[in-house]
């Protein structure tokens, strides 16, 4: 059985994935932080005093 894909070759697939990653990084989804590092900085300051 032969499967016909939407991308003609590996380079096309790579370009599609690269474009999607670039889009994600440039927009809000790529800028979201999952860990608030300011709390860790505050703890470091308290331990240093």
PDB file of N, CA and C in Angstrom:
ATOM      1  N   UNK A   1       0.846  -1.177   0.000  1.00  0.00           N
ATOM      2  CA  UNK A   1       0.000   0.000   0.000  1.00  0.00           C
ATOM      3  C   UNK A   1       0.888   1.236   0.000  1.00  0.00           C
ATOM      4  N   UNK A   2       0.617   2.158  -0.875  1.00  0.00           N
ATOM      5  CA  UNK A   2       1.399   3.382  -0.992  1.00  0.00           C
ATOM      6  C   UNK A   2       0.603   4.546  -0.404  1.00  0.00           C
ATOM      7  N   UNK A   3       1.246   5.291   0.485  1.00  0.00           N
ATOM      8  CA  UNK A   3       0.589   6.433   1.121  1.00  0.00           C
ATOM      9  C   UNK A   3       1.111   7.704   0.475  1.00  0.00           C
ATOM     10  N   UNK A   4       0.200   8.556   0.070  1.00  0.00           N
ATOM     11  CA  UNK A   4       0.578   9.838  -0.525  1.00  0.00           C
ATOM     12  C   UNK A   4       0.454  10.892   0.559  1.00  0.00           C
ATOM     13  N   UNK A   5       1.573  11.537   0.874  1.00  0.00           N
ATOM     14  CA  UNK A   5       1.575  12.557   1.914  1.00  0.00           C
ATOM     15  C   UNK A   5       1.316  13.941   1.363  1.00  0.00           C
ATOM     16  N   UNK A   6       1.095  14.872   2.254  1.00  0.00           N
ATOM     17  CA  UNK A   6       0.836  16.242   1.830  1.00  0.00           C
ATOM     18  C   UNK A   6       2.137  16.995   1.596  1.00  0.00           C
ATOM     19  N   UNK A   7       3.246  16.470   2.115  1.00  0.00           N
ATOM     20  CA  UNK A   7       4.545  17.107   1.922  1.00  0.00           C
ATOM     21  C   UNK A   7       5.375  16.230   0.983  1.00  0.00           C
ATOM     22  N   UNK A   8       5.924  16.824  -0.072  1.00  0.00           N
ATOM     23  CA  UNK A   8       6.611  16.012  -1.081  1.00  0.00           C
ATOM     24  C   UNK A   8       7.921  15.369  -0.610  1.00  0.00           C
ATOM     25  N   UNK A   9       8.615  15.986   0.338  1.00  0.00           N
ATOM     26  CA  UNK A   9       9.868  15.397   0.795  1.00  0.00           C
ATOM     27  C   UNK A   9      10.195  15.843   2.221  1.00  0.00           C
ATOM     28  N   UNK A  10      11.306  15.356   2.750  1.00  0.00           N
ATOM     29  CA  UNK A  10      11.713  15.665   4.119  1.00  0.00           C
ATOM     30  C   UNK A  10      12.010  17.131   4.341  1.00  0.00           C
ATOM     31  N   UNK A  11      12.553  17.784   3.337  1.00  0.00           N
ATOM     32  CA  UNK A  11      12.863  19.215   3.481  1.00  0.00           C
ATOM     33  C   UNK A  11      11.597  20.046   3.658  1.00  0.00           C
ATOM     34  N   UNK A  12      10.550  19.677   2.968  1.00  0.00           N
ATOM     35  CA  UNK A  12       9.273  20.397   3.121  1.00  0.00           C
ATOM     36  C   UNK A  12       8.730  20.227   4.528  1.00  0.00           C
ATOM     37  N   UNK A  13       8.834  19.027   5.058  1.00  0.00           N
ATOM     38  CA  UNK A  13       8.374  18.781   6.429  1.00  0.00           C
ATOM     39  C   UNK A  13       9.197  19.589   7.417  1.00  0.00           C
ATOM     40  N   UNK A  14      10.508  19.609   7.226  1.00  0.00           N
ATOM     41  CA  UNK A  14      11.385  20.372   8.107  1.00  0.00           C
ATOM     42  C   UNK A  14      11.081  21.862   8.049  1.00  0.00           C
ATOM     43  N   UNK A  15      10.835  22.386   6.858  1.00  0.00           N
ATOM     44  CA  UNK A  15      10.500  23.802   6.718  1.00  0.00           C
ATOM     45  C   UNK A  15       9.175  24.124   7.406  1.00  0.00           C
ATOM     46  N   UNK A  16       8.209  23.214   7.323  1.00  0.00           N
ATOM     47  CA  UNK A  16       6.909  23.429   7.973  1.00  0.00           C
ATOM     48  C   UNK A  16       7.060  23.458   9.486  1.00  0.00           C
ATOM     49  N   UNK A  17       7.801  22.511  10.035  1.00  0.00           N
ATOM     50  CA  UNK A  17       8.021  22.465  11.483  1.00  0.00           C
ATOM     51  C   UNK A  17       8.793  23.690  11.944  1.00  0.00           C
ATOM     52  N   UNK A  18       9.813  24.090  11.205  1.00  0.00           N
ATOM     53  CA  UNK A  18      10.606  25.264  11.562  1.00  0.00           C
ATOM     54  C   UNK A  18       9.752  26.524  11.554  1.00  0.00           C
ATOM     55  N   UNK A  19       8.905  26.675  10.558  1.00  0.00           N
ATOM     56  CA  UNK A  19       8.029  27.848  10.487  1.00  0.00           C
ATOM     57  C   UNK A  19       7.074  27.881  11.675  1.00  0.00           C
ATOM     58  N   UNK A  20       6.560  26.723  12.072  1.00  0.00           N
ATOM     59  CA  UNK A  20       5.625  26.664  13.208  1.00  0.00           C
ATOM     60  C   UNK A  20       6.343  27.013  14.510  1.00  0.00           C
ATOM     61  N   UNK A  21       7.547  26.511  14.694  1.00  0.00           N
ATOM     62  CA  UNK A  21       8.317  26.839  15.897  1.00  0.00           C
ATOM     63  C   UNK A  21       8.649  28.328  15.946  1.00  0.00           C
ATOM     64  N   UNK A  22       9.013  28.894  14.812  1.00  0.00           N
ATOM     65  CA  UNK A  22       9.311  30.324  14.750  1.00  0.00           C
ATOM     66  C   UNK A  22       8.079  31.153  15.108  1.00  0.00           C
ATOM     67  N   UNK A  23       6.925  30.765  14.592  1.00  0.00           N
ATOM     68  CA  UNK A  23       5.675  31.452  14.901  1.00  0.00           C
ATOM     69  C   UNK A  23       5.379  31.384  16.399  1.00  0.00           C
ATOM     70  N   UNK A  24       5.562  30.210  16.982  1.00  0.00           N
ATOM     71  CA  UNK A  24       5.285  30.022  18.411  1.00  0.00           C
ATOM     72  C   UNK A  24       6.190  30.893  19.264  1.00  0.00           C
ATOM     73  N   UNK A  25       7.458  30.971  18.928  1.00  0.00           N
ATOM     74  CA  UNK A  25       8.408  31.765  19.702  1.00  0.00           C
ATOM     75  C   UNK A  25       8.095  33.254  19.589  1.00  0.00           C
ATOM     76  N   UNK A  26       7.676  33.703  18.420  1.00  0.00           N
ATOM     77  CA  UNK A  26       7.433  35.125  18.201  1.00  0.00           C
ATOM     78  C   UNK A  26       6.125  35.620  18.797  1.00  0.00           C
ATOM     79  N   UNK A  27       5.215  34.733  19.165  1.00  0.00           N
ATOM     80  CA  UNK A  27       3.929  35.144  19.708  1.00  0.00           C
ATOM     81  C   UNK A  27       3.814  34.801  21.185  1.00  0.00           C
ATOM     82  N   UNK A  28       2.690  35.105  21.760  1.00  0.00           N
ATOM     83  CA  UNK A  28       2.500  34.999  23.206  1.00  0.00           C
ATOM     84  C   UNK A  28       2.771  33.610  23.774  1.00  0.00           C
ATOM     85  N   UNK A  29       2.455  32.574  23.022  1.00  0.00           N
ATOM     86  CA  UNK A  29       2.635  31.223  23.561  1.00  0.00           C
ATOM     87  C   UNK A  29       4.087  30.935  23.891  1.00  0.00           C
ATOM     88  N   UNK A  30       5.000  31.497  23.142  1.00  0.00           N
ATOM     89  CA  UNK A  30       6.411  31.248  23.380  1.00  0.00           C
ATOM     90  C   UNK A  30       6.977  32.075  24.514  1.00  0.00           C
ATOM     91  N   UNK A  31       6.226  33.064  24.984  1.00  0.00           N
ATOM     92  CA  UNK A  31       6.716  33.957  26.029  1.00  0.00           C
ATOM     93  C   UNK A  31       6.151  33.636  27.398  1.00  0.00           C
ATOM     94  N   UNK A  32       5.255  32.663  27.461  1.00  0.00           N
ATOM     95  CA  UNK A  32       4.635  32.314  28.729  1.00  0.00           C
ATOM     96  C   UNK A  32       5.646  31.605  29.618  1.00  0.00           C
ATOM     97  N   UNK A  33       5.649  31.961  30.876  1.00  0.00           N
ATOM     98  CA  UNK A  33       6.534  31.301  31.827  1.00  0.00           C
ATOM     99  C   UNK A  33       5.709  30.413  32.735  1.00  0.00           C
ATOM    100  N   UNK A  34       6.235  29.264  33.004  1.00  0.00           N
ATOM    101  CA  UNK A  34       5.510  28.307  33.823  1.00  0.00           C
ATOM    102  C   UNK A  34       5.987  28.300  35.264  1.00  0.00           C
ATOM    103  N   UNK A  35       7.088  28.984  35.541  1.00  0.00           N
ATOM    104  CA  UNK A  35       7.623  29.042  36.886  1.00  0.00           C
ATOM    105  C   UNK A  35       8.012  30.484  37.166  1.00  0.00           C
ATOM    106  N   UNK A  36       7.501  31.019  38.256  1.00  0.00           N
ATOM    107  CA  UNK A  36       7.802  32.392  38.644  1.00  0.00           C
ATOM    108  C   UNK A  36       9.139  32.405  39.384  1.00  0.00           C
ATOM    109  N   UNK A  37      10.187  32.822  38.700  1.00  0.00           N
ATOM    110  CA  UNK A  37      11.537  32.792  39.265  1.00  0.00           C
ATOM    111  C   UNK A  37      11.753  33.862  40.329  1.00  0.00           C
ATOM    112  N   UNK A  38      10.892  34.859  40.406  1.00  0.00           N
ATOM    113  CA  UNK A  38      11.076  35.928  41.389  1.00  0.00           C
ATOM    114  C   UNK A  38      10.991  35.390  42.816  1.00  0.00           C
ATOM    115  N   UNK A  39      10.175  34.392  43.043  1.00  0.00           N
ATOM    116  CA  UNK A  39      10.059  33.790  44.386  1.00  0.00           C
ATOM    117  C   UNK A  39      11.369  33.120  44.790  1.00  0.00           C
ATOM    118  N   UNK A  40      12.024  32.469  43.847  1.00  0.00           N
ATOM    119  CA  UNK A  40      13.312  31.840  44.140  1.00  0.00           C
ATOM    120  C   UNK A  40      14.377  32.897  44.426  1.00  0.00           C
ATOM    121  N   UNK A  41      14.333  34.012  43.698  1.00  0.00           N
ATOM    122  CA  UNK A  41      15.274  35.104  43.950  1.00  0.00           C
ATOM    123  C   UNK A  41      15.076  35.681  45.347  1.00  0.00           C
ATOM    124  N   UNK A  42      13.817  35.816  45.757  1.00  0.00           N
ATOM    125  CA  UNK A  42      13.536  36.334  47.096  1.00  0.00           C
ATOM    126  C   UNK A  42      14.085  35.391  48.173  1.00  0.00           C
ATOM    127  N   UNK A  43      13.951  34.098  47.965  1.00  0.00           N
ATOM    128  CA  UNK A  43      14.475  33.133  48.933  1.00  0.00           C
ATOM    129  C   UNK A  43      15.995  33.227  49.039  1.00  0.00           C
ATOM    130  N   UNK A  44      16.666  33.398  47.893  1.00  0.00           N
ATOM    131  CA  UNK A  44      18.119  33.541  47.890  1.00  0.00           C
ATOM    132  C   UNK A  44      18.554  34.767  48.674  1.00  0.00           C
ATOM    133  N   UNK A  45      17.817  35.858  48.500  1.00  0.00           N
ATOM    134  CA  UNK A  45      18.141  37.090  49.234  1.00  0.00           C
ATOM    135  C   UNK A  45      17.950  36.913  50.731  1.00  0.00           C
ATOM    136  N   UNK A  46      16.887  36.233  51.128  1.00  0.00           N
ATOM    137  CA  UNK A  46      16.632  35.996  52.546  1.00  0.00           C
ATOM    138  C   UNK A  46      17.686  35.096  53.173  1.00  0.00           C
ATOM    139  N   UNK A  47      18.145  34.108  52.458  1.00  0.00           N
ATOM    140  CA  UNK A  47      19.175  33.198  52.972  1.00  0.00           C
ATOM    141  C   UNK A  47      20.517  33.894  53.091  1.00  0.00           C
ATOM    142  N   UNK A  48      20.758  34.880  52.244  1.00  0.00           N
ATOM    143  CA  UNK A  48      22.030  35.604  52.265  1.00  0.00           C
ATOM    144  C   UNK A  48      22.135  36.588  53.409  1.00  0.00           C
ATOM    145  N   UNK A  49      21.019  36.979  54.019  1.00  0.00           N
ATOM    146  CA  UNK A  49      21.019  37.989  55.086  1.00  0.00           C
ATOM    147  C   UNK A  49      21.205  37.370  56.427  1.00  0.00           C
TER     148      UNK A  49
END
